Protein backbone atom coordinates (compact mmCIF):
# COMPACT_ATOMS: atom_id res chain seq x y z
CA UNK A 1 71.87 -26.39 -105.52
CA UNK A 2 73.29 -22.85 -105.77
CA UNK A 3 71.44 -19.76 -104.61
CA UNK A 4 69.08 -18.10 -107.07
CA UNK A 5 68.29 -14.41 -106.70
CA UNK A 6 65.98 -12.58 -109.09
CA UNK A 7 65.62 -8.80 -108.95
CA UNK A 8 62.51 -7.24 -110.48
CA UNK A 9 61.04 -3.75 -110.40
CA UNK A 10 57.60 -2.23 -110.81
CA UNK A 11 59.20 1.15 -111.51
CA UNK A 12 60.26 2.93 -114.65
CA UNK A 13 63.93 3.65 -114.86
CA UNK A 14 66.95 1.74 -113.76
CA UNK A 15 67.53 -0.02 -110.49
CA UNK A 16 70.95 -1.36 -109.43
CA UNK A 17 69.93 -4.98 -110.05
CA UNK A 18 73.45 -6.38 -110.04
CA UNK A 19 74.30 -4.68 -106.73
CA UNK A 20 71.05 -5.84 -105.13
CA UNK A 21 71.57 -9.40 -106.32
CA UNK A 22 75.15 -9.33 -105.01
CA UNK A 23 73.95 -7.93 -101.66
CA UNK A 24 71.54 -10.83 -101.25
CA UNK A 25 74.12 -13.42 -102.33
CA UNK A 26 76.78 -11.93 -100.02
CA UNK A 27 74.37 -12.15 -97.09
CA UNK A 28 73.51 -15.77 -97.85
CA UNK A 29 77.21 -16.60 -98.12
CA UNK A 30 78.14 -14.66 -94.96
CA UNK A 31 75.49 -16.54 -93.01
CA UNK A 32 76.42 -19.89 -94.61
CA UNK A 33 72.82 -20.33 -95.73
CA UNK A 34 71.73 -23.50 -97.48
CA UNK A 35 70.42 -23.15 -101.02
CA UNK A 36 67.83 -20.44 -101.50
CA UNK A 37 65.55 -18.95 -104.12
CA UNK A 38 64.81 -15.31 -103.38
CA UNK A 39 62.96 -12.66 -105.35
CA UNK A 40 63.80 -9.02 -104.66
CA UNK A 41 61.05 -6.64 -105.76
CA UNK A 42 61.84 -2.93 -106.01
CA UNK A 43 58.70 -0.83 -105.85
CA UNK A 44 57.33 2.63 -105.16
CA UNK A 45 55.58 4.14 -102.17
CA UNK A 46 51.96 3.38 -103.11
CA UNK A 47 52.66 -0.27 -103.91
CA UNK A 48 54.72 -0.70 -100.72
CA UNK A 49 51.94 0.84 -98.63
CA UNK A 50 49.38 -1.51 -100.21
CA UNK A 51 51.57 -4.58 -99.57
CA UNK A 52 52.24 -3.50 -95.98
CA UNK A 53 48.52 -2.92 -95.38
CA UNK A 54 47.46 -6.21 -96.97
CA UNK A 55 49.97 -8.48 -95.24
CA UNK A 56 50.78 -6.73 -91.95
CA UNK A 57 47.72 -4.48 -91.51
CA UNK A 58 50.03 -1.43 -91.32
CA UNK A 59 48.66 1.47 -93.36
CA UNK A 60 51.94 3.23 -94.14
CA UNK A 61 54.98 3.08 -96.39
CA UNK A 62 57.97 1.18 -95.03
CA UNK A 63 61.50 0.51 -96.23
CA UNK A 64 61.63 -3.27 -96.53
CA UNK A 65 59.34 -6.27 -96.08
CA UNK A 66 60.40 -9.93 -96.10
CA UNK A 67 58.17 -12.90 -96.74
CA UNK A 68 59.42 -16.39 -95.97
CA UNK A 69 57.53 -18.60 -98.40
CA UNK A 70 58.75 -21.88 -96.92
CA UNK A 71 60.78 -24.41 -98.81
CA UNK A 72 60.51 -27.01 -101.54
CA UNK A 73 62.34 -30.32 -101.92
CA UNK A 74 65.93 -29.54 -102.81
CA UNK A 75 65.61 -25.88 -101.80
CA UNK A 76 66.12 -24.86 -98.21
CA UNK A 77 64.54 -21.42 -98.46
CA UNK A 78 62.04 -19.61 -100.65
CA UNK A 79 61.48 -15.95 -99.98
CA UNK A 80 60.51 -12.56 -101.29
CA UNK A 81 61.97 -9.22 -100.26
CA UNK A 82 60.09 -6.04 -101.18
CA UNK A 83 62.01 -2.76 -100.99
CA UNK A 84 60.77 0.78 -101.51
CA UNK A 85 62.95 2.94 -103.75
CA UNK A 86 61.24 6.20 -102.73
CA UNK A 87 61.89 5.44 -99.06
CA UNK A 88 65.53 4.64 -99.89
CA UNK A 89 65.93 7.89 -101.82
CA UNK A 90 64.76 9.93 -98.81
CA UNK A 91 66.95 8.00 -96.37
CA UNK A 92 69.96 8.23 -98.67
CA UNK A 93 69.60 12.02 -98.91
CA UNK A 94 69.32 12.29 -95.12
CA UNK A 95 72.44 10.13 -94.63
CA UNK A 96 74.33 11.68 -97.54
CA UNK A 97 74.88 8.32 -99.21
CA UNK A 98 73.84 6.86 -102.55
CA UNK A 99 70.37 5.45 -103.08
CA UNK A 100 72.02 2.27 -104.38
CA UNK A 101 73.82 1.77 -101.06
CA UNK A 102 70.59 2.28 -99.12
CA UNK A 103 68.74 -0.17 -101.37
CA UNK A 104 71.53 -2.72 -100.84
CA UNK A 105 71.18 -2.20 -97.08
CA UNK A 106 67.45 -2.98 -97.38
CA UNK A 107 68.15 -6.18 -99.32
CA UNK A 108 70.70 -7.29 -96.72
CA UNK A 109 68.26 -6.49 -93.92
CA UNK A 110 65.46 -8.40 -95.64
CA UNK A 111 67.69 -11.39 -96.32
CA UNK A 112 68.73 -11.52 -92.66
CA UNK A 113 65.04 -11.59 -91.70
CA UNK A 114 64.49 -14.52 -94.08
CA UNK A 115 67.38 -16.29 -92.35
CA UNK A 116 65.72 -15.89 -88.95
CA UNK A 117 67.12 -12.62 -87.61
CA UNK A 118 64.72 -10.58 -85.52
CA UNK A 119 64.73 -6.87 -84.66
CA UNK A 120 61.89 -6.67 -82.15
CA UNK A 121 64.06 -6.27 -79.05
CA UNK A 122 66.99 -3.90 -78.47
CA UNK A 123 69.42 -6.80 -78.12
CA UNK A 124 68.23 -8.60 -81.26
CA UNK A 125 68.15 -5.32 -83.20
CA UNK A 126 71.74 -4.52 -82.19
CA UNK A 127 72.93 -7.98 -83.25
CA UNK A 128 71.10 -7.75 -86.56
CA UNK A 129 72.34 -4.21 -87.26
CA UNK A 130 75.96 -5.19 -86.54
CA UNK A 131 75.77 -8.12 -88.96
CA UNK A 132 73.92 -6.04 -91.54
CA UNK A 133 76.47 -3.22 -91.50
CA UNK A 134 79.38 -5.66 -91.72
CA UNK A 135 77.86 -7.07 -94.92
CA UNK A 136 77.07 -3.57 -96.28
CA UNK A 137 80.78 -2.72 -95.96
CA UNK A 138 81.69 -5.88 -97.88
CA UNK A 139 79.21 -5.23 -100.69
CA UNK A 140 79.23 -1.46 -101.17
CA UNK A 141 82.58 0.27 -101.36
């Protein structure tokens, strides 16, 4: 079964859905992931804060959250990635890059978490960041 990636948004205005979908698919391919169904949700600061507070008990806005929803017969992975466009806009300005590139980075980061990557230790964070940035370079030119 091929990968299925759906990008949705709670925001008015356009989001780079095709780029975000491609970022997720490129990550799954790079990591040789079995079939997956992943939803990418692009949202604003207040919604991200509410989701972070509800699920992780963190009362602040963050860039990306990943939720591994398990699997179903015939599908190896079900997951949801929530990314904050407002957070990405601020980071993109600070780094002098496009918001689209920063959003793609968040999708790649979230997908790596769904695939089992961890960033809680320095060593794990360095490994994850190296893989993430390699994929960013492949996806965003």
